[in-house]
Amino acid sequence: MPPLRVFTLPRQQSLLLPAVINPFVQDTKLSKAAIIKCVLLGIFLVPIRAVLVSLVLMVTWPVAFIITFNHPLKGAEPMTGWRRIMCRRVMAALGRAYYFSMGFRVVIKGRQVDSSEAPILAVAPHSTFFDGIVCIVAGLPSTVSRVENLATPIFGRFVRCLQPVLVSRKDPDSRKNTIQEIESRAKSLGHWPQVLIFPEGTCTNRSCLITFKQGAFIPGVPVQPVVMRYPNKLDTVSWTWQGFSSKTLLLLTLSQLYTTVEIEFLPTHIPTEEEKKCPPLFASRVRDKMAQALGVPVTDHTYEDCRLMISAGELTLPMEAGLVEFTKISRKLNLKWDNVRKELEGFASMATSCKGGRINIEEFASFLKLPVNPALEELFALFDRNGDGTIDFREYVIGVTILCRPANTEDVLRMAFKLFDTDEDERITREEFTALLRSALGVSNINMAKLFKEIDADGSGFITFNEFQSFAMSHPEYAKLFTTYLELQRYQAIQEANPGELELSGQISDIQEESVSDKKDD
């Protein structure tokens, strides 16, 4: 009979693996018939539409130049008089002509309220660079835009007409200034035009709504949700982190007879006092309302997951390995982006020989330079949350944070250090290190030499407590491994003394802990 776990750790249901598919992949499959149709139509449609778009842009640029000429880029006042009339009428008409030239057919549902009723328009899902059409339909409200966009030929002048709230990656105070500017405009009592924001902050494939950023909800003013749909048989618009390039999507879209886009203005969401005090709650409830209208689920994926996904690809892992629902685990475990990025590097070093982005116990043991033994199996079982004999990056992050980090207290590390330091001279020699690992964990001399050299940072030939502690903090699996070994040793000793009593107490302990786990509101 295998030994019982000494300390049963209940699973947290809210940290189980996500069931929602990857929202950052575009998986349109072009059949032979679809390709032939695109080629035949494209031969005629693409040149015609390219000419029409060019003509519209030739008119748009001088009009935009006239509107913005001598007008401050970061004006404290909104455009008024003839500038505003030209924006709302001439530029809006040119914008409609631009999208019409590309073959877009716009269907509008619901009613847009004015800025006095809802100063902010929250638009989702954001899935393509064609989503700018909602700005035209909404009457050219202000948007949030990167400073770099203003330097784009032709389109930069058009963006200036919107008097955007500018975001600069080079300015460390940009985020704070952006939120202050949004709040100032939102509370201007209709003085400024509405501010249109895509709260997801990145493009998805419209299969779900990811976590909304809080910028649109911090002011605590009424928000009108706006949902977008592209109900076309062939998806030629979704522009995500994995999928067709922007040039391919543009060519495919121009090769369609027409592309339908539905824009629906939902009823204004007036925040409660609770929501005004808690922007994440406000954002979550607006997202739920929009998801219900779209008939799609919501997830805790964010832009940070995109960054992790790209990092995973750079580390030769499958890109999906980085999709960990960063918002959820960071909220639960108080994780920081940089720490998770470092954990990804550690996981990648384990998974270099593994296909599919998951690692088994043999690969885990190879990374730790240890053989498979009961203590390692016990540790691996704690990581393996769904019990399939492998662990992925999400399980690894949660396991390291919940199970291993707490083991790195100074008391635990002192105890582990004393296990090695048999002569109690406050330093571990290679012989002491070798003796314990060979007898306790069955490690070979070759592996021990590599591991000892890695811990002995200054190459002095012995390990001090500071070196031991520094290594354990950067490799928390080892600290947990030795505490697991001690627990198993303690279990074995008690079982030899009174096996029946331990078995009974272990069963009672498991029942009690399982009961607590069932009642835990996670």
Protein backbone atom coordinates (compact mmCIF):
# COMPACT_ATOMS: atom_id res chain seq x y z
CA MET A 1 0.00 0.00 0.00
CA PRO A 2 1.53 3.38 -1.05
CA PRO A 3 2.13 5.90 1.73
CA LEU A 4 -0.54 8.50 2.40
CA ARG A 5 0.25 12.16 1.97
CA VAL A 6 1.04 13.78 5.26
CA PHE A 7 -0.38 17.19 4.39
CA THR A 8 -3.21 17.07 1.90
CA LEU A 9 -3.51 20.30 -0.11
CA PRO A 10 -7.04 20.86 -1.47
CA ARG A 11 -7.38 21.93 -5.07
CA GLN A 12 -8.66 25.44 -5.75
CA GLN A 13 -11.47 25.08 -8.27
CA SER A 14 -11.03 28.63 -9.58
CA LEU A 15 -7.43 27.84 -10.52
CA LEU A 16 -8.20 24.77 -12.60
CA LEU A 17 -7.16 24.77 -16.24
CA PRO A 18 -9.13 27.14 -18.50
CA ALA A 19 -11.78 25.54 -20.68
CA VAL A 20 -12.05 28.43 -23.17
CA ILE A 21 -10.18 28.13 -26.46
CA ASN A 22 -7.28 30.38 -27.37
CA PRO A 23 -8.80 33.83 -28.09
CA PHE A 24 -5.63 35.07 -29.82
CA VAL A 25 -5.51 32.66 -32.75
CA GLN A 26 -7.19 33.15 -36.13
CA ASP A 27 -7.91 29.74 -37.62
CA THR A 28 -9.80 30.50 -40.84
CA LYS A 29 -9.44 27.56 -43.22
CA LEU A 30 -9.58 28.44 -46.92
CA SER A 31 -10.99 25.61 -49.01
CA LYS A 32 -9.95 25.21 -52.65
CA ALA A 33 -13.35 26.55 -53.72
CA ALA A 34 -12.93 29.62 -51.49
CA ILE A 35 -9.45 30.30 -52.85
CA ILE A 36 -10.64 30.02 -56.46
CA LYS A 37 -13.58 32.33 -55.71
CA CYS A 38 -11.28 34.91 -54.06
CA VAL A 39 -8.88 34.82 -57.02
CA LEU A 40 -11.61 35.21 -59.65
CA LEU A 41 -13.39 38.01 -57.80
CA GLY A 42 -10.13 39.63 -56.78
CA ILE A 43 -8.95 40.01 -60.35
CA PHE A 44 -11.82 42.43 -60.94
CA LEU A 45 -12.64 43.82 -57.49
CA VAL A 46 -9.20 44.55 -56.02
CA PRO A 47 -8.03 46.99 -58.76
CA ILE A 48 -11.38 48.81 -58.80
CA ARG A 49 -11.51 49.13 -55.01
CA ALA A 50 -7.86 50.16 -54.82
CA VAL A 51 -8.58 53.04 -57.22
CA LEU A 52 -11.70 54.10 -55.30
CA VAL A 53 -9.90 53.99 -51.94
CA SER A 54 -7.04 56.05 -53.38
CA LEU A 55 -9.44 58.68 -54.66
CA VAL A 56 -11.16 58.92 -51.27
CA LEU A 57 -7.82 59.26 -49.49
CA MET A 58 -6.70 61.95 -51.94
CA VAL A 59 -9.69 64.01 -50.84
CA THR A 60 -9.51 63.03 -47.16
CA TRP A 61 -5.95 64.21 -46.51
CA PRO A 62 -6.38 67.87 -47.58
CA VAL A 63 -9.71 68.09 -45.73
CA ALA A 64 -8.09 66.68 -42.59
CA PHE A 65 -5.15 69.07 -43.02
CA ILE A 66 -7.47 72.07 -43.25
CA ILE A 67 -9.42 70.99 -40.15
CA THR A 68 -6.29 70.48 -38.03
CA PHE A 69 -4.20 73.35 -39.44
CA ASN A 70 -2.94 75.61 -36.66
CA HIS A 71 -4.97 73.67 -34.09
CA PRO A 72 -2.93 72.55 -31.04
CA LEU A 73 -2.28 68.83 -30.91
CA LYS A 74 -2.99 68.64 -27.19
CA GLY A 75 -5.61 71.37 -27.03
CA ALA A 76 -7.31 72.04 -23.75
CA GLU A 77 -10.56 72.71 -25.63
CA PRO A 78 -12.52 70.57 -28.09
CA MET A 79 -12.95 71.62 -31.70
CA THR A 80 -15.82 74.05 -32.25
CA GLY A 81 -17.39 76.05 -35.05
CA TRP A 82 -16.46 75.22 -38.63
CA ARG A 83 -13.83 72.68 -37.58
CA ARG A 84 -16.36 70.62 -35.68
CA ILE A 85 -18.94 70.88 -38.50
CA MET A 86 -16.40 69.68 -41.05
CA CYS A 87 -15.41 66.80 -38.76
CA ARG A 88 -18.94 65.62 -38.10
CA ARG A 89 -20.19 66.01 -41.66
CA VAL A 90 -17.43 66.09 -44.26
CA MET A 91 -14.95 63.75 -42.58
CA ALA A 92 -17.72 61.36 -41.51
CA ALA A 93 -18.99 61.23 -45.10
CA LEU A 94 -15.48 60.57 -46.40
CA GLY A 95 -15.03 57.84 -43.79
CA ARG A 96 -18.21 56.11 -44.95
CA ALA A 97 -17.05 56.42 -48.56
CA TYR A 98 -13.70 54.87 -47.59
CA TYR A 99 -15.27 51.76 -46.07
CA PHE A 100 -17.89 51.55 -48.84
CA SER A 101 -15.06 51.55 -51.39
CA MET A 102 -13.62 48.47 -49.67
CA GLY A 103 -16.95 46.66 -49.92
CA PHE A 104 -18.26 47.06 -46.35
CA ARG A 105 -21.98 46.89 -45.71
CA VAL A 106 -22.88 48.40 -42.33
CA VAL A 107 -25.90 47.32 -40.30
CA ILE A 108 -26.71 49.53 -37.29
CA LYS A 109 -28.86 48.33 -34.40
CA GLY A 110 -30.00 50.19 -31.29
CA ARG A 111 -29.70 53.91 -30.63
CA GLN A 112 -26.59 55.88 -29.77
CA VAL A 113 -27.10 58.32 -26.89
CA ASP A 114 -25.32 61.65 -26.72
CA SER A 115 -22.36 62.57 -24.56
CA SER A 116 -24.49 64.07 -21.78
CA GLU A 117 -26.15 60.67 -21.21
CA ALA A 118 -23.08 58.46 -21.72
CA PRO A 119 -19.70 60.22 -22.02
CA ILE A 120 -17.93 56.95 -22.83
CA LEU A 121 -18.55 54.33 -25.54
CA ALA A 122 -17.06 50.91 -24.72
CA VAL A 123 -16.69 48.81 -27.88
CA ALA A 124 -16.04 45.04 -28.00
CA PRO A 125 -14.95 42.63 -29.24
CA HIS A 126 -11.90 44.27 -30.81
CA SER A 127 -10.79 41.88 -33.53
CA THR A 128 -9.39 43.78 -36.51
CA PHE A 129 -7.96 47.02 -37.87
CA PHE A 130 -11.27 47.41 -39.72
CA ASP A 131 -12.96 48.12 -36.37
CA GLY A 132 -12.27 51.81 -36.96
CA ILE A 133 -15.55 51.84 -38.85
CA VAL A 134 -17.34 52.16 -35.50
CA CYS A 135 -15.74 55.63 -35.10
CA ILE A 136 -17.34 56.71 -38.37
CA VAL A 137 -20.74 55.34 -37.40
CA ALA A 138 -20.55 56.94 -33.94
CA GLY A 139 -19.94 60.41 -35.38
CA LEU A 140 -16.17 60.68 -34.90
CA PRO A 141 -15.87 60.63 -31.10
CA SER A 142 -12.49 61.01 -29.43
CA THR A 143 -10.40 57.86 -29.14
CA VAL A 144 -7.38 56.63 -27.21
CA SER A 145 -4.43 56.42 -29.58
CA ARG A 146 -0.68 55.89 -29.46
CA VAL A 147 1.42 58.96 -30.23
CA GLU A 148 3.14 56.99 -33.01
CA ASN A 149 -0.14 56.78 -34.95
CA LEU A 150 -0.02 60.53 -35.60
CA ALA A 151 3.08 60.04 -37.76
CA THR A 152 1.28 57.62 -40.11
CA PRO A 153 0.90 59.14 -43.59
CA ILE A 154 -2.66 60.33 -44.37
CA PHE A 155 -4.22 58.38 -41.50
CA GLY A 156 -2.22 60.41 -38.98
CA ARG A 157 -4.06 63.56 -40.03
CA PHE A 158 -7.38 61.76 -39.79
CA VAL A 159 -6.54 60.63 -36.24
CA ARG A 160 -5.72 64.24 -35.31
CA CYS A 161 -9.25 65.23 -36.34
CA LEU A 162 -10.53 63.01 -33.54
CA GLN A 163 -8.52 64.92 -30.92
CA PRO A 164 -7.44 61.62 -29.37
CA VAL A 165 -6.27 60.94 -25.85
CA LEU A 166 -2.62 60.23 -26.60
CA VAL A 167 -0.63 57.39 -25.04
CA SER A 168 3.17 57.37 -25.11
CA ARG A 169 5.20 54.26 -24.34
CA LYS A 170 8.27 56.40 -23.67
CA ASP A 171 6.60 58.50 -20.98
CA PRO A 172 6.54 56.72 -17.58
CA ASP A 173 3.61 58.92 -16.50
CA SER A 174 1.63 58.24 -19.67
CA ARG A 175 -0.83 55.79 -18.10
CA LYS A 176 -1.65 58.16 -15.24
CA ASN A 177 -2.00 61.12 -17.61
CA THR A 178 -4.21 59.11 -19.96
CA ILE A 179 -6.61 58.16 -17.18
CA GLN A 180 -6.73 61.75 -15.96
CA GLU A 181 -7.51 63.02 -19.47
CA ILE A 182 -10.26 60.42 -19.99
CA GLU A 183 -11.77 61.35 -16.63
CA SER A 184 -11.59 65.07 -17.43
CA ARG A 185 -13.40 64.63 -20.76
CA ALA A 186 -15.93 62.18 -19.34
CA LYS A 187 -16.93 64.65 -16.62
CA SER A 188 -17.12 67.72 -18.88
CA LEU A 189 -20.95 67.54 -18.92
CA GLY A 190 -21.15 67.21 -22.72
CA HIS A 191 -18.50 69.87 -23.42
CA TRP A 192 -16.23 67.26 -25.02
CA PRO A 193 -17.42 64.66 -27.56
CA GLN A 194 -17.84 61.10 -26.36
CA VAL A 195 -14.68 59.05 -25.79
CA LEU A 196 -14.64 55.72 -27.65
CA ILE A 197 -12.54 52.97 -26.07
CA PHE A 198 -11.83 49.33 -26.92
CA PRO A 199 -11.48 48.09 -23.31
CA GLU A 200 -9.99 44.70 -24.27
CA GLY A 201 -6.81 46.49 -25.33
CA THR A 202 -5.84 43.91 -27.97
CA CYS A 203 -7.38 41.95 -30.83
CA THR A 204 -9.10 38.58 -30.32
CA ASN A 205 -10.93 36.14 -32.57
CA ARG A 206 -14.38 37.11 -31.16
CA SER A 207 -14.86 33.66 -29.58
CA CYS A 208 -15.07 35.28 -26.12
CA LEU A 209 -14.56 38.58 -24.30
CA ILE A 210 -11.25 38.87 -22.48
CA THR A 211 -10.63 40.98 -19.37
CA PHE A 212 -11.52 44.66 -19.82
CA LYS A 213 -8.92 47.24 -18.90
CA GLN A 214 -10.16 49.74 -16.32
CA GLY A 215 -9.48 53.04 -18.13
CA ALA A 216 -13.04 53.46 -19.38
CA PHE A 217 -14.51 52.69 -15.97
CA ILE A 218 -12.32 54.61 -13.53
CA PRO A 219 -14.23 57.91 -14.07
CA GLY A 220 -17.39 56.19 -12.75
CA VAL A 221 -19.66 57.80 -15.37
CA PRO A 222 -22.38 56.11 -17.46
CA VAL A 223 -21.01 53.95 -20.26
CA GLN A 224 -22.83 52.88 -23.42
CA PRO A 225 -21.71 49.39 -24.49
CA VAL A 226 -21.31 48.86 -28.25
CA VAL A 227 -20.91 45.37 -29.70
CA MET A 228 -19.53 44.50 -33.13
CA ARG A 229 -20.23 41.45 -35.26
CA TYR A 230 -18.92 40.31 -38.63
CA PRO A 231 -21.58 37.75 -39.66
CA ASN A 232 -19.90 36.63 -42.87
CA LYS A 233 -19.55 33.07 -44.14
CA LEU A 234 -15.80 33.50 -44.55
CA ASP A 235 -13.87 35.35 -41.85
CA THR A 236 -11.44 37.62 -43.67
CA VAL A 237 -11.15 40.31 -40.99
CA SER A 238 -9.89 38.74 -37.72
CA TRP A 239 -6.36 40.03 -37.09
CA THR A 240 -4.88 38.23 -34.11
CA TRP A 241 -1.47 37.26 -32.76
CA GLN A 242 -1.54 33.96 -34.64
CA GLY A 243 -3.07 33.97 -38.08
CA PHE A 244 -3.09 35.86 -41.36
CA SER A 245 -0.96 38.97 -41.78
CA SER A 246 -2.58 42.38 -42.23
CA LYS A 247 -1.74 42.40 -45.96
CA THR A 248 -3.32 38.97 -46.49
CA LEU A 249 -6.47 40.00 -44.62
CA LEU A 250 -6.77 43.22 -46.62
CA LEU A 251 -6.39 41.35 -49.90
CA LEU A 252 -8.92 38.69 -48.89
CA THR A 253 -11.43 41.31 -47.72
CA LEU A 254 -11.14 43.34 -50.95
CA SER A 255 -11.77 40.11 -52.88
CA GLN A 256 -15.25 39.61 -51.35
CA LEU A 257 -18.43 40.83 -53.01
CA TYR A 258 -19.18 42.60 -49.74
CA THR A 259 -18.29 42.34 -46.06
CA THR A 260 -21.06 42.81 -43.50
CA VAL A 261 -20.43 44.46 -40.16
CA GLU A 262 -23.12 44.83 -37.49
CA ILE A 263 -22.78 47.59 -34.91
CA GLU A 264 -25.24 47.44 -32.02
CA PHE A 265 -25.65 50.17 -29.41
CA LEU A 266 -26.81 48.56 -26.16
CA PRO A 267 -28.68 50.39 -23.38
CA THR A 268 -26.50 52.70 -21.29
CA HIS A 269 -25.01 51.15 -18.16
CA ILE A 270 -25.33 53.57 -15.25
CA PRO A 271 -22.88 52.54 -12.51
CA THR A 272 -24.05 51.90 -8.98
CA GLU A 273 -22.23 53.46 -6.03
CA GLU A 274 -20.47 50.13 -5.52
CA GLU A 275 -19.30 50.09 -9.14
CA LYS A 276 -18.09 53.70 -8.95
CA LYS A 277 -15.84 52.72 -6.04
CA CYS A 278 -14.65 49.53 -7.74
CA PRO A 279 -13.69 49.97 -11.45
CA PRO A 280 -12.91 46.23 -11.91
CA LEU A 281 -16.46 45.38 -10.81
CA PHE A 282 -17.87 48.07 -13.12
CA ALA A 283 -15.81 46.71 -16.04
CA SER A 284 -16.82 43.12 -15.28
CA ARG A 285 -20.54 43.88 -15.24
CA VAL A 286 -20.41 45.83 -18.49
CA ARG A 287 -18.46 42.95 -20.04
CA ASP A 288 -21.08 40.46 -18.83
CA LYS A 289 -23.83 42.52 -20.41
CA MET A 290 -21.96 42.66 -23.73
CA ALA A 291 -21.10 38.95 -23.65
CA GLN A 292 -24.77 38.13 -23.09
CA ALA A 293 -25.76 40.24 -26.11
CA LEU A 294 -23.09 38.52 -28.23
CA GLY A 295 -23.81 35.03 -26.89
CA VAL A 296 -20.15 34.35 -26.06
CA PRO A 297 -18.31 33.43 -22.83
CA VAL A 298 -15.91 35.62 -20.86
CA THR A 299 -12.37 34.72 -19.81
CA ASP A 300 -9.61 36.12 -17.62
CA HIS A 301 -7.16 36.35 -20.50
CA THR A 302 -5.50 39.74 -21.01
CA TYR A 303 -2.84 41.49 -23.07
CA GLU A 304 -0.30 40.03 -20.63
CA ASP A 305 -1.28 36.57 -21.91
CA CYS A 306 -0.37 37.77 -25.41
CA ARG A 307 3.04 38.80 -24.13
CA LEU A 308 3.52 35.44 -22.40
CA MET A 309 2.33 33.65 -25.54
CA ILE A 310 4.90 35.47 -27.67
CA SER A 311 7.60 34.80 -25.06
CA ALA A 312 6.68 31.11 -25.10
CA GLY A 313 7.18 31.07 -28.87
CA GLU A 314 10.57 32.74 -28.51
CA LEU A 315 11.54 30.02 -26.01
CA THR A 316 10.53 27.31 -28.56
CA LEU A 317 7.45 26.35 -26.56
CA PRO A 318 4.03 26.11 -28.23
CA MET A 319 2.58 29.63 -28.07
CA GLU A 320 -0.52 28.33 -26.28
CA ALA A 321 1.71 27.40 -23.33
CA GLY A 322 1.76 31.07 -22.30
CA LEU A 323 -2.02 31.34 -22.03
CA VAL A 324 -2.42 31.11 -18.26
CA GLU A 325 -5.28 33.55 -17.66
CA PHE A 326 -2.80 35.97 -16.13
CA THR A 327 -5.43 38.18 -14.51
CA LYS A 328 -6.95 35.29 -12.58
CA ILE A 329 -3.77 33.75 -11.23
CA SER A 330 -2.14 37.12 -10.55
CA ARG A 331 -5.20 38.21 -8.55
CA LYS A 332 -5.31 34.93 -6.65
CA LEU A 333 -1.60 34.53 -6.06
CA ASN A 334 -0.40 38.15 -6.16
CA LEU A 335 1.97 37.45 -9.03
CA LYS A 336 3.91 40.05 -10.98
CA TRP A 337 4.52 40.01 -14.72
CA ASP A 338 8.32 39.82 -14.45
CA ASN A 339 8.14 36.88 -12.04
CA VAL A 340 5.84 34.90 -14.31
CA ARG A 341 8.12 35.65 -17.27
CA LYS A 342 11.07 34.21 -15.29
CA GLU A 343 9.04 31.12 -14.41
CA LEU A 344 8.32 30.67 -18.11
CA GLU A 345 12.05 30.62 -18.83
CA GLY A 346 12.56 27.97 -16.16
CA PHE A 347 9.71 25.88 -17.52
CA ALA A 348 11.06 26.21 -21.06
CA SER A 349 14.45 24.89 -19.95
CA MET A 350 12.64 21.79 -18.65
CA ALA A 351 10.53 21.39 -21.78
CA THR A 352 13.27 21.75 -24.40
CA SER A 353 13.12 18.04 -25.22
CA CYS A 354 9.35 17.83 -24.87
CA LYS A 355 6.81 18.12 -27.66
CA GLY A 356 3.47 19.75 -27.00
CA GLY A 357 4.53 22.08 -24.19
CA ARG A 358 3.92 19.62 -21.35
CA ILE A 359 6.54 17.78 -19.30
CA ASN A 360 6.42 14.38 -17.60
CA ILE A 361 8.10 13.29 -14.39
CA GLU A 362 11.23 12.04 -16.18
CA GLU A 363 11.79 15.48 -17.77
CA PHE A 364 11.03 17.16 -14.46
CA ALA A 365 13.61 14.92 -12.72
CA SER A 366 16.18 15.61 -15.45
CA PHE A 367 15.78 19.36 -14.92
CA LEU A 368 16.35 18.98 -11.17
CA LYS A 369 19.31 16.65 -11.87
CA LEU A 370 17.64 14.01 -9.68
CA PRO A 371 16.37 10.48 -10.26
CA VAL A 372 12.70 9.58 -10.02
CA ASN A 373 12.09 8.62 -6.39
CA PRO A 374 9.14 8.70 -3.93
CA ALA A 375 9.87 12.24 -2.76
CA LEU A 376 10.04 13.53 -6.33
CA GLU A 377 6.89 11.61 -7.29
CA GLU A 378 5.09 13.21 -4.34
CA LEU A 379 6.23 16.68 -5.40
CA PHE A 380 5.28 16.08 -9.04
CA ALA A 381 1.82 14.89 -7.98
CA LEU A 382 1.23 18.24 -6.31
CA PHE A 383 2.09 20.03 -9.57
CA ASP A 384 0.02 17.65 -11.70
CA ARG A 385 -3.35 19.23 -10.92
CA ASN A 386 -5.45 17.20 -13.38
CA GLY A 387 -3.65 13.91 -12.72
CA ASP A 388 -2.70 13.06 -16.31
CA GLY A 389 0.98 12.41 -15.57
CA THR A 390 2.21 15.65 -17.12
CA ILE A 391 2.30 19.31 -16.11
CA ASP A 392 1.95 22.41 -18.24
CA PHE A 393 3.15 25.95 -17.59
CA ARG A 394 -0.02 27.05 -15.83
CA GLU A 395 0.14 24.12 -13.41
CA TYR A 396 3.83 24.84 -12.89
CA VAL A 397 3.26 28.53 -12.04
CA ILE A 398 0.46 27.71 -9.61
CA GLY A 399 2.39 24.81 -8.10
CA VAL A 400 5.59 26.80 -7.58
CA THR A 401 3.68 29.71 -6.05
CA ILE A 402 1.31 27.79 -3.77
CA LEU A 403 3.42 24.76 -2.90
CA CYS A 404 7.07 25.70 -3.22
CA ARG A 405 7.41 29.35 -2.31
CA PRO A 406 6.06 28.84 1.22
CA ALA A 407 8.70 26.14 1.71
CA ASN A 408 11.44 28.71 1.28
CA THR A 409 11.15 30.18 4.76
CA GLU A 410 14.41 30.59 6.62
CA ASP A 411 13.42 27.94 9.19
CA VAL A 412 12.80 25.34 6.48
CA LEU A 413 16.01 26.21 4.68
CA ARG A 414 17.98 26.06 7.96
CA MET A 415 16.57 22.61 8.60
CA ALA A 416 17.47 21.45 5.10
CA PHE A 417 20.95 22.96 5.43
CA LYS A 418 21.53 21.08 8.70
CA LEU A 419 20.62 17.82 6.94
CA PHE A 420 23.72 18.28 4.79
CA ASP A 421 25.97 19.92 7.38
CA THR A 422 26.70 16.75 9.34
CA ASP A 423 29.75 18.15 11.20
CA GLU A 424 27.88 21.38 12.06
CA ASP A 425 30.65 23.71 10.85
CA GLU A 426 28.18 25.99 8.99
CA ARG A 427 29.31 24.84 5.59
CA ILE A 428 28.59 21.88 3.34
CA THR A 429 31.48 20.06 1.74
CA ARG A 430 31.18 18.04 -1.47
CA GLU A 431 31.44 14.83 0.57
CA GLU A 432 28.58 15.83 2.88
CA PHE A 433 26.49 16.91 -0.09
CA THR A 434 27.20 13.64 -1.92
CA ALA A 435 26.50 11.40 1.08
CA LEU A 436 23.00 12.74 1.71
CA LEU A 437 21.85 12.90 -1.90
CA ARG A 438 23.12 9.41 -2.63
CA SER A 439 21.49 7.83 0.42
CA ALA A 440 18.26 9.87 0.48
CA LEU A 441 17.49 10.50 -3.17
CA GLY A 442 19.71 8.09 -5.06
CA VAL A 443 21.54 10.75 -7.07
CA SER A 444 24.56 9.69 -9.13
CA ASN A 445 28.01 11.20 -8.66
CA ILE A 446 27.82 12.91 -12.08
CA ASN A 447 24.59 14.70 -11.26
CA MET A 448 25.84 15.66 -7.83
CA ALA A 449 28.95 17.32 -9.25
CA LYS A 450 26.88 19.53 -11.56
CA LEU A 451 24.40 20.43 -8.85
CA PHE A 452 27.10 21.17 -6.27
CA LYS A 453 28.93 23.45 -8.70
CA GLU A 454 25.70 25.31 -9.46
CA ILE A 455 25.02 25.99 -5.76
CA ASP A 456 28.64 26.83 -4.93
CA ALA A 457 28.44 30.26 -6.58
CA ASP A 458 31.91 31.48 -5.57
CA GLY A 459 33.66 28.20 -6.43
CA SER A 460 35.15 27.86 -2.93
CA GLY A 461 34.61 24.11 -2.78
CA PHE A 462 31.94 24.29 -0.07
CA ILE A 463 28.43 25.70 0.25
CA THR A 464 27.56 28.39 2.77
CA PHE A 465 24.04 28.99 4.07
CA ASN A 466 23.79 32.20 2.04
CA GLU A 467 24.63 30.30 -1.15
CA PHE A 468 22.21 27.55 -0.18
CA GLN A 469 19.44 30.09 0.52
CA SER A 470 20.11 32.03 -2.70
CA PHE A 471 19.88 28.85 -4.77
CA ALA A 472 16.71 27.71 -3.01
CA MET A 473 15.00 31.06 -3.62
CA SER A 474 15.63 30.82 -7.36
CA HIS A 475 14.88 27.06 -7.45
CA PRO A 476 11.95 26.67 -5.02
CA GLU A 477 11.30 23.09 -6.17
CA TYR A 478 14.35 21.91 -4.22
CA ALA A 479 13.18 23.36 -0.91
CA LYS A 480 9.79 21.71 -1.33
CA LEU A 481 11.48 18.48 -2.39
CA PHE A 482 13.45 18.24 0.85
CA THR A 483 10.44 19.09 3.03
CA THR A 484 8.51 16.40 1.16
CA TYR A 485 11.38 13.98 1.80
CA LEU A 486 11.33 14.83 5.51
CA GLU A 487 7.55 14.31 5.65
CA LEU A 488 7.84 10.92 3.99
CA GLN A 489 10.64 9.94 6.38
CA ARG A 490 8.50 11.05 9.33
CA TYR A 491 5.56 9.09 7.97
CA GLN A 492 7.71 5.99 7.53
CA ALA A 493 9.04 6.24 11.08
CA ILE A 494 5.57 6.60 12.60
CA GLN A 495 4.18 3.80 10.43
CA GLU A 496 6.88 1.43 11.67
CA ALA A 497 6.03 2.39 15.26
CA ASN A 498 2.23 2.09 14.96
CA PRO A 499 0.97 1.51 11.39
CA GLY A 500 -2.70 1.02 12.24
CA GLU A 501 -3.02 4.25 14.22
CA LEU A 502 -1.36 6.32 11.48
CA GLU A 503 -3.52 4.84 8.75
CA LEU A 504 -6.68 5.66 10.70
CA SER A 505 -5.53 9.19 11.60
CA GLY A 506 -4.47 9.79 8.03
CA GLN A 507 -7.91 8.79 6.76
CA ILE A 508 -9.63 11.04 9.31
CA SER A 509 -7.30 13.92 8.36
CA ASP A 510 -8.08 13.45 4.68
CA ILE A 511 -11.84 13.39 5.35
CA GLN A 512 -11.66 16.55 7.46
CA GLU A 513 -9.55 18.42 4.93
CA GLU A 514 -11.74 17.33 2.04
CA SER A 515 -14.76 18.63 3.94
CA VAL A 516 -13.09 21.98 4.47
CA SER A 517 -12.09 22.07 0.81
CA ASP A 518 -15.68 21.44 -0.34
CA LYS A 519 -16.92 24.39 1.71
CA LYS A 520 -14.14 26.72 0.65
CA ASP A 521 -15.50 29.61 -1.37
CA ASP A 522 -12.59 30.14 -3.72
